[in-house]
Amino acid sequence: MSSEKVRASHLLLKHEGSRRPASWKDPEGKLIKQTSRNDAIAKLNAFRADVLSGKAQLADLAAVHSDCNSAKRGGDLGWFSRGQMQEAFEKATFGLNVGELSDIVDTDSGAHIIMRTG
């Protein structure tokens, strides 16, 4: 196993296909269960465009919109090494340069945009 570590922040939007359709802001999962994957991706694409254009910071968007508990830290997941995250998430994160924002990444948890921060 590689000792290489990365640090990343992300914004997760859960949808009807997510393995756990509930979150800190929707504990019953009522809204999540009514959200299609396409709707989640459309929102993420808009957030991604705002970050890339400089209109918004990922941390600010994640704090308000992310379905992950990391929202309380502006989406910061801290440092992690290979084998700690879902494969698609890990592959995307390790493939980014520091400061780079991913395209949409699908995992069992939902749809994400990821920024490598370290």
Protein backbone atom coordinates (compact mmCIF):
# COMPACT_ATOMS: atom_id res chain seq x y z
CA MET A 1 0.00 0.00 0.00
CA SER A 2 1.24 3.43 -0.88
CA SER A 3 2.01 5.92 1.87
CA GLU A 4 0.88 8.71 -0.46
CA LYS A 5 -1.80 10.87 1.13
CA VAL A 6 -4.07 13.56 -0.21
CA ARG A 7 -6.31 16.11 1.40
CA ALA A 8 -9.62 17.03 -0.17
CA SER A 9 -12.84 18.92 0.30
CA HIS A 10 -16.07 17.97 -1.42
CA LEU A 11 -19.70 18.76 -1.84
CA LEU A 12 -21.95 15.69 -1.78
CA LEU A 13 -25.50 15.69 -3.04
CA LYS A 14 -27.42 12.56 -2.20
CA HIS A 15 -30.26 11.37 -4.42
CA GLU A 16 -32.84 8.61 -4.65
CA GLY A 17 -30.12 6.10 -5.61
CA SER A 18 -27.84 6.86 -2.65
CA ARG A 19 -27.10 3.96 -0.32
CA ARG A 20 -28.19 5.98 2.74
CA PRO A 21 -30.86 8.46 1.65
CA ALA A 22 -30.65 10.69 4.73
CA SER A 23 -28.29 13.41 5.89
CA TRP A 24 -27.64 15.93 8.64
CA LYS A 25 -29.96 18.41 6.92
CA ASP A 26 -32.57 15.84 5.84
CA PRO A 27 -32.60 13.22 8.63
CA GLU A 28 -35.75 11.53 7.33
CA GLY A 29 -34.46 11.58 3.76
CA LYS A 30 -37.70 13.08 2.45
CA LEU A 31 -36.05 15.51 0.02
CA ILE A 32 -33.24 13.13 -0.89
CA LYS A 33 -35.68 10.38 -1.86
CA GLN A 34 -37.44 12.88 -4.16
CA THR A 35 -34.19 14.01 -5.82
CA SER A 36 -33.19 12.27 -9.02
CA ARG A 37 -29.54 11.69 -9.89
CA ASN A 38 -29.99 14.07 -12.84
CA ASP A 39 -31.31 16.82 -10.54
CA ALA A 40 -28.35 16.35 -8.17
CA ILE A 41 -25.91 16.51 -11.08
CA ALA A 42 -27.55 19.64 -12.50
CA LYS A 43 -27.12 21.37 -9.13
CA LEU A 44 -23.52 20.21 -8.84
CA ASN A 45 -22.72 21.46 -12.34
CA ALA A 46 -24.06 24.88 -11.36
CA PHE A 47 -22.02 24.89 -8.13
CA ARG A 48 -18.94 23.75 -10.07
CA ALA A 49 -19.37 26.58 -12.59
CA ASP A 50 -19.66 29.11 -9.74
CA VAL A 51 -16.44 27.83 -8.13
CA LEU A 52 -14.54 27.77 -11.43
CA SER A 53 -15.66 31.30 -12.32
CA GLY A 54 -14.72 32.62 -8.88
CA LYS A 55 -18.33 33.50 -7.97
CA ALA A 56 -18.26 31.11 -5.01
CA GLN A 57 -15.88 29.12 -2.83
CA LEU A 58 -16.37 25.36 -2.54
CA ALA A 59 -16.16 25.57 1.26
CA ASP A 60 -19.01 28.09 1.42
CA LEU A 61 -21.22 26.03 -0.91
CA ALA A 62 -20.44 22.79 0.92
CA ALA A 63 -21.27 24.34 4.31
CA VAL A 64 -24.79 25.09 3.09
CA HIS A 65 -25.58 22.44 0.49
CA SER A 66 -23.53 19.28 1.14
CA ASP A 67 -25.29 16.19 2.45
CA CYS A 68 -22.05 15.03 4.09
CA ASN A 69 -21.28 15.72 7.74
CA SER A 70 -18.08 17.36 6.48
CA ALA A 71 -20.31 20.33 5.57
CA LYS A 72 -19.66 21.62 9.09
CA ARG A 73 -15.98 21.91 8.08
CA GLY A 74 -16.69 23.44 4.67
CA GLY A 75 -16.49 20.01 3.06
CA ASP A 76 -12.97 19.28 4.37
CA LEU A 77 -12.32 15.55 4.66
CA GLY A 78 -8.78 15.91 5.98
CA TRP A 79 -5.88 13.73 4.86
CA PHE A 80 -6.44 10.20 3.60
CA SER A 81 -4.52 7.50 1.80
CA ARG A 82 -5.52 4.91 -0.76
CA GLY A 83 -8.05 2.37 0.45
CA GLN A 84 -9.88 4.73 2.81
CA MET A 85 -12.53 6.12 0.46
CA GLN A 86 -14.84 4.63 -2.14
CA GLU A 87 -12.87 3.69 -5.25
CA ALA A 88 -14.34 6.27 -7.64
CA PHE A 89 -13.87 9.07 -5.09
CA GLU A 90 -10.31 8.02 -4.37
CA LYS A 91 -9.39 7.65 -8.05
CA ALA A 92 -10.75 11.12 -8.83
CA THR A 93 -9.01 12.76 -5.87
CA PHE A 94 -5.60 11.20 -6.47
CA GLY A 95 -5.93 12.22 -10.14
CA LEU A 96 -6.31 15.91 -9.31
CA ASN A 97 -3.60 18.49 -8.79
CA VAL A 98 -3.73 20.55 -5.59
CA GLY A 99 -6.32 23.31 -6.06
CA GLU A 100 -8.02 21.50 -8.94
CA LEU A 101 -11.77 20.79 -8.98
CA SER A 102 -13.12 17.49 -10.26
CA ASP A 103 -15.90 16.84 -12.68
CA ILE A 104 -18.96 15.09 -11.22
CA VAL A 105 -17.95 11.91 -9.37
CA ASP A 106 -20.56 9.23 -8.69
CA THR A 107 -20.25 6.93 -5.68
CA ASP A 108 -22.66 4.78 -3.68
CA SER A 109 -23.10 7.82 -1.41
CA GLY A 110 -24.31 10.14 -4.18
CA ALA A 111 -22.76 12.66 -6.56
CA HIS A 112 -19.77 14.80 -5.60
CA ILE A 113 -17.52 17.59 -6.75
CA ILE A 114 -14.09 17.30 -5.16
CA MET A 115 -11.26 19.75 -4.69
CA ARG A 116 -7.82 18.43 -3.84
CA THR A 117 -6.42 20.70 -1.15
CA GLY A 118 -3.20 18.90 -0.26
